[in-house]
Every structure is written in structure tokens, then in C-alpha cells.
PDB file of N, CA and C in Angstrom:
ATOM      1  N   MET A   1      13.642  -0.775 -18.512  1.00  0.00           N
ATOM      2  CA  MET A   1      12.190  -0.972 -17.806  1.00  0.00           C
ATOM      3  C   MET A   1      12.488  -2.514 -17.546  1.00  0.00           C
ATOM      4  N   GLY A   2      12.266  -2.848 -15.677  1.00  0.00           N
ATOM      5  CA  GLY A   2      12.539  -4.053 -15.517  1.00  0.00           C
ATOM      6  C   GLY A   2      11.425  -5.041 -15.093  1.00  0.00           C
ATOM      7  N   PRO A   3      11.759  -5.561 -14.873  1.00  0.00           N
ATOM      8  CA  PRO A   3      10.298  -7.209 -14.222  1.00  0.00           C
ATOM      9  C   PRO A   3       9.314  -6.331 -13.107  1.00  0.00           C
ATOM     10  N   GLY A   4       7.884  -6.122 -12.981  1.00  0.00           N
ATOM     11  CA  GLY A   4       7.528  -5.275 -11.926  1.00  0.00           C
ATOM     12  C   GLY A   4       7.389  -3.501 -12.053  1.00  0.00           C
ATOM     13  N   ASP A   5       7.764  -3.175 -13.696  1.00  0.00           N
ATOM     14  CA  ASP A   5       7.913  -1.674 -13.811  1.00  0.00           C
ATOM     15  C   ASP A   5       7.171  -2.033 -15.075  1.00  0.00           C
ATOM     16  N   PHE A   6       5.483  -1.858 -14.026  1.00  0.00           N
ATOM     17  CA  PHE A   6       4.806  -0.954 -15.362  1.00  0.00           C
ATOM     18  C   PHE A   6       4.552  -0.294 -16.005  1.00  0.00           C
ATOM     19  N   ASN A   7       5.158   1.114 -15.495  1.00  0.00           N
ATOM     20  CA  ASN A   7       5.000   1.971 -16.106  1.00  0.00           C
ATOM     21  C   ASN A   7       5.886   2.977 -16.346  1.00  0.00           C
ATOM     22  N   GLY A   8       6.987   1.704 -16.493  1.00  0.00           N
ATOM     23  CA  GLY A   8       8.418   2.376 -17.102  1.00  0.00           C
ATOM     24  C   GLY A   8       8.932   3.386 -16.466  1.00  0.00           C
ATOM     25  N   ASP A   9       9.406   3.798 -15.420  1.00  0.00           N
ATOM     26  CA  ASP A   9      10.039   4.661 -14.530  1.00  0.00           C
ATOM     27  C   ASP A   9      11.305   4.067 -14.167  1.00  0.00           C
ATOM     28  N   GLY A  10      11.231   2.241 -13.606  1.00  0.00           N
ATOM     29  CA  GLY A  10      12.399   1.671 -13.574  1.00  0.00           C
ATOM     30  C   GLY A  10      12.358   1.444 -12.131  1.00  0.00           C
ATOM     31  N   ARG A  11      10.830   1.516 -11.273  1.00  0.00           N
ATOM     32  CA  ARG A  11      10.766   1.367 -10.062  1.00  0.00           C
ATOM     33  C   ARG A  11       9.773   0.029 -10.256  1.00  0.00           C
ATOM     34  N   VAL A  12       9.934  -0.892  -8.952  1.00  0.00           N
ATOM     35  CA  VAL A  12       8.845  -1.737  -9.002  1.00  0.00           C
ATOM     36  C   VAL A  12       7.427  -1.482  -8.507  1.00  0.00           C
ATOM     37  N   ASP A  13       6.202  -1.912  -9.444  1.00  0.00           N
ATOM     38  CA  ASP A  13       5.572  -1.740  -9.169  1.00  0.00           C
ATOM     39  C   ASP A  13       3.908  -2.654  -8.905  1.00  0.00           C
ATOM     40  N   VAL A  14       3.149  -2.303  -8.759  1.00  0.00           N
ATOM     41  CA  VAL A  14       1.961  -3.662  -8.613  1.00  0.00           C
ATOM     42  C   VAL A  14       0.508  -3.944  -9.051  1.00  0.00           C
ATOM     43  N   LEU A  15       0.227  -4.239  -9.466  1.00  0.00           N
ATOM     44  CA  LEU A  15      -1.268  -4.267 -10.295  1.00  0.00           C
ATOM     45  C   LEU A  15      -2.208  -5.228  -9.309  1.00  0.00           C
ATOM     46  N   ALA A  16      -2.746  -4.823  -9.459  1.00  0.00           N
ATOM     47  CA  ALA A  16      -3.738  -5.440  -8.351  1.00  0.00           C
ATOM     48  C   ALA A  16      -5.918  -5.288  -8.848  1.00  0.00           C
ATOM     49  N   ARG A  17      -5.820  -6.267  -8.603  1.00  0.00           N
ATOM     50  CA  ARG A  17      -7.924  -5.938  -9.745  1.00  0.00           C
ATOM     51  C   ARG A  17      -8.273  -6.378  -7.984  1.00  0.00           C
ATOM     52  N   ASP A  18      -9.744  -5.536  -7.812  1.00  0.00           N
ATOM     53  CA  ASP A  18     -10.468  -5.213  -7.044  1.00  0.00           C
ATOM     54  C   ASP A  18     -11.966  -6.249  -7.323  1.00  0.00           C
ATOM     55  N   SER A  19     -12.679  -6.453  -6.089  1.00  0.00           N
ATOM     56  CA  SER A  19     -13.678  -7.323  -5.980  1.00  0.00           C
ATOM     57  C   SER A  19     -14.517  -6.627  -7.450  1.00  0.00           C
ATOM     58  N   SER A  20     -14.564  -5.151  -8.247  1.00  0.00           N
ATOM     59  CA  SER A  20     -15.483  -4.606  -9.065  1.00  0.00           C
ATOM     60  C   SER A  20     -14.814  -5.409 -10.379  1.00  0.00           C
ATOM     61  N   GLY A  21     -13.728  -5.267 -10.271  1.00  0.00           N
ATOM     62  CA  GLY A  21     -12.691  -5.763 -11.528  1.00  0.00           C
ATOM     63  C   GLY A  21     -12.410  -4.733 -12.289  1.00  0.00           C
ATOM     64  N   SER A  22     -12.387  -3.818 -11.388  1.00  0.00           N
ATOM     65  CA  SER A  22     -11.763  -2.545 -11.494  1.00  0.00           C
ATOM     66  C   SER A  22      -9.731  -2.980 -11.615  1.00  0.00           C
ATOM     67  N   LEU A  23      -8.945  -2.806 -12.577  1.00  0.00           N
ATOM     68  CA  LEU A  23      -7.303  -3.073 -12.088  1.00  0.00           C
ATOM     69  C   LEU A  23      -7.342  -1.787 -12.240  1.00  0.00           C
ATOM     70  N   TRP A  24      -6.148  -1.294 -10.711  1.00  0.00           N
ATOM     71  CA  TRP A  24      -5.151  -0.294  -9.898  1.00  0.00           C
ATOM     72  C   TRP A  24      -3.370  -1.261 -10.502  1.00  0.00           C
ATOM     73  N   LEU A  25      -3.115   0.067 -10.803  1.00  0.00           N
ATOM     74  CA  LEU A  25      -1.868   0.159 -10.606  1.00  0.00           C
ATOM     75  C   LEU A  25      -1.128   1.137  -9.599  1.00  0.00           C
ATOM     76  N   TYR A  26      -0.636  -0.223  -8.498  1.00  0.00           N
ATOM     77  CA  TYR A  26       0.028   0.636  -7.229  1.00  0.00           C
ATOM     78  C   TYR A  26       1.855   1.126  -7.381  1.00  0.00           C
ATOM     79  N   PRO A  27       2.468   2.463  -7.663  1.00  0.00           N
ATOM     80  CA  PRO A  27       3.278   2.904  -9.085  1.00  0.00           C
ATOM     81  C   PRO A  27       5.053   2.756  -7.368  1.00  0.00           C
ATOM     82  N   GLY A  28       5.563   2.183  -7.408  1.00  0.00           N
ATOM     83  CA  GLY A  28       6.613   2.649  -6.447  1.00  0.00           C
ATOM     84  C   GLY A  28       7.071   3.562  -6.006  1.00  0.00           C
ATOM     85  N   ASN A  29       7.518   4.186  -5.259  1.00  0.00           N
ATOM     86  CA  ASN A  29       8.229   5.096  -5.050  1.00  0.00           C
ATOM     87  C   ASN A  29       9.261   5.217  -4.903  1.00  0.00           C
ATOM     88  N   GLY A  30      10.299   4.526  -5.030  1.00  0.00           N
ATOM     89  CA  GLY A  30      11.447   4.675  -4.670  1.00  0.00           C
ATOM     90  C   GLY A  30      12.733   4.069  -3.477  1.00  0.00           C
ATOM     91  N   ARG A  31      11.354   3.867  -2.602  1.00  0.00           N
ATOM     92  CA  ARG A  31      11.909   4.472  -1.176  1.00  0.00           C
ATOM     93  C   ARG A  31      11.472   3.196  -0.208  1.00  0.00           C
ATOM     94  N   GLY A  32      10.793   1.954  -1.058  1.00  0.00           N
ATOM     95  CA  GLY A  32       9.955   0.800  -0.125  1.00  0.00           C
ATOM     96  C   GLY A  32       8.728   0.932   0.181  1.00  0.00           C
ATOM     97  N   GLY A  33       8.336   2.209  -0.339  1.00  0.00           N
ATOM     98  CA  GLY A  33       6.561   2.713  -0.450  1.00  0.00           C
ATOM     99  C   GLY A  33       5.695   2.974  -1.732  1.00  0.00           C
ATOM    100  N   TRP A  34       4.696   3.528  -1.803  1.00  0.00           N
ATOM    101  CA  TRP A  34       4.090   3.321  -2.615  1.00  0.00           C
ATOM    102  C   TRP A  34       3.492   4.893  -3.577  1.00  0.00           C
ATOM    103  N   LEU A  35       3.827   5.127  -4.864  1.00  0.00           N
ATOM    104  CA  LEU A  35       2.448   6.015  -4.669  1.00  0.00           C
ATOM    105  C   LEU A  35       0.575   5.782  -4.883  1.00  0.00           C
ATOM    106  N   ALA A  36       0.535   7.419  -4.591  1.00  0.00           N
ATOM    107  CA  ALA A  36      -1.278   6.937  -4.706  1.00  0.00           C
ATOM    108  C   ALA A  36      -1.138   5.430  -6.256  1.00  0.00           C
ATOM    109  N   ARG A  37      -2.374   5.523  -5.949  1.00  0.00           N
ATOM    110  CA  ARG A  37      -2.894   4.426  -6.785  1.00  0.00           C
ATOM    111  C   ARG A  37      -3.318   4.559  -8.410  1.00  0.00           C
ATOM    112  N   VAL A  38      -3.672   4.054  -9.631  1.00  0.00           N
ATOM    113  CA  VAL A  38      -3.742   4.313 -10.701  1.00  0.00           C
ATOM    114  C   VAL A  38      -4.993   3.811 -11.526  1.00  0.00           C
ATOM    115  N   ARG A  39      -6.517   3.825 -11.687  1.00  0.00           N
ATOM    116  CA  ARG A  39      -6.823   2.977 -12.693  1.00  0.00           C
ATOM    117  C   ARG A  39      -6.251   2.987 -13.724  1.00  0.00           C
ATOM    118  N   VAL A  40      -6.352   1.252 -13.983  1.00  0.00           N
ATOM    119  CA  VAL A  40      -5.627   1.444 -15.336  1.00  0.00           C
ATOM    120  C   VAL A  40      -6.739   0.737 -16.213  1.00  0.00           C
ATOM    121  N   GLY A  41      -7.874  -0.090 -16.220  1.00  0.00           N
ATOM    122  CA  GLY A  41      -8.862  -0.041 -16.596  1.00  0.00           C
ATOM    123  C   GLY A  41     -10.290  -0.922 -15.642  1.00  0.00           C
ATOM    124  N   GLY A  42     -11.000  -1.309 -16.669  1.00  0.00           N
ATOM    125  CA  GLY A  42     -12.266  -1.910 -16.075  1.00  0.00           C
ATOM    126  C   GLY A  42     -12.457  -3.795 -16.621  1.00  0.00           C
ATOM    127  N   GLY A  43     -13.247  -4.425 -16.232  1.00  0.00           N
ATOM    128  CA  GLY A  43     -13.568  -5.909 -16.937  1.00  0.00           C
ATOM    129  C   GLY A  43     -12.848  -6.754 -16.537  1.00  0.00           C
ATOM    130  N   TRP A  44     -11.758  -6.687 -15.485  1.00  0.00           N
ATOM    131  CA  TRP A  44     -11.013  -7.712 -15.199  1.00  0.00           C
ATOM    132  C   TRP A  44     -11.405  -8.691 -14.122  1.00  0.00           C
ATOM    133  N   ASN A  45     -12.609  -8.239 -13.611  1.00  0.00           N
ATOM    134  CA  ASN A  45     -13.468  -9.617 -12.472  1.00  0.00           C
ATOM    135  C   ASN A  45     -13.795 -11.098 -13.506  1.00  0.00           C
ATOM    136  N   VAL A  46     -13.624 -10.918 -14.563  1.00  0.00           N
ATOM    137  CA  VAL A  46     -13.474 -12.347 -15.224  1.00  0.00           C
ATOM    138  C   VAL A  46     -12.261 -12.712 -15.027  1.00  0.00           C
ATOM    139  N   MET A  47     -10.510 -12.327 -14.560  1.00  0.00           N
ATOM    140  CA  MET A  47      -9.413 -13.270 -14.142  1.00  0.00           C
ATOM    141  C   MET A  47      -9.570 -13.440 -12.941  1.00  0.00           C
ATOM    142  N   THR A  48      -9.089 -14.803 -12.492  1.00  0.00           N
ATOM    143  CA  THR A  48      -8.887 -14.956 -11.553  1.00  0.00           C
ATOM    144  C   THR A  48      -7.180 -15.051 -11.150  1.00  0.00           C
ATOM    145  N   ALA A  49      -6.329 -14.909 -11.738  1.00  0.00           N
ATOM    146  CA  ALA A  49      -5.349 -14.846 -11.501  1.00  0.00           C
ATOM    147  C   ALA A  49      -4.080 -14.125 -12.417  1.00  0.00           C
ATOM    148  N   LEU A  50      -3.988 -13.118 -12.927  1.00  0.00           N
ATOM    149  CA  LEU A  50      -2.747 -12.166 -13.457  1.00  0.00           C
ATOM    150  C   LEU A  50      -1.012 -12.564 -13.344  1.00  0.00           C
ATOM    151  N   VAL A  51      -0.606 -12.954 -14.420  1.00  0.00           N
ATOM    152  CA  VAL A  51       0.664 -13.272 -14.602  1.00  0.00           C
ATOM    153  C   VAL A  51       1.406 -12.205 -15.334  1.00  0.00           C
TER     154      VAL A  51
END
């Protein structure tokens, strides 16, 4: 697992929070694109930055 690999598949992923506080995982497809997003959880609207 490397930096930015949040699901352990060896590819770079992105985490994003929407305005309702849902946290979404956008898994990388290994070819410079993204697979379908996956909701990770809710209640993240109190966060202003993810590190």
C-alpha cells in the first residue's frame, strides 16, 4: 500500500467530502481514471481539511 492508496489495491485513490458531510472514495483504475465512487461514511461536515 502506498501514499494515496486508501483501499489497498496498489493504485492511487482520492478521498473527498461533499457539502452534506459524506466522505467518498474515488478508486483509481490504474490507467489515469477513476472507478465508481464508494461512500465511506458520514458526519465529516465538521472537518475543513483532510490530511
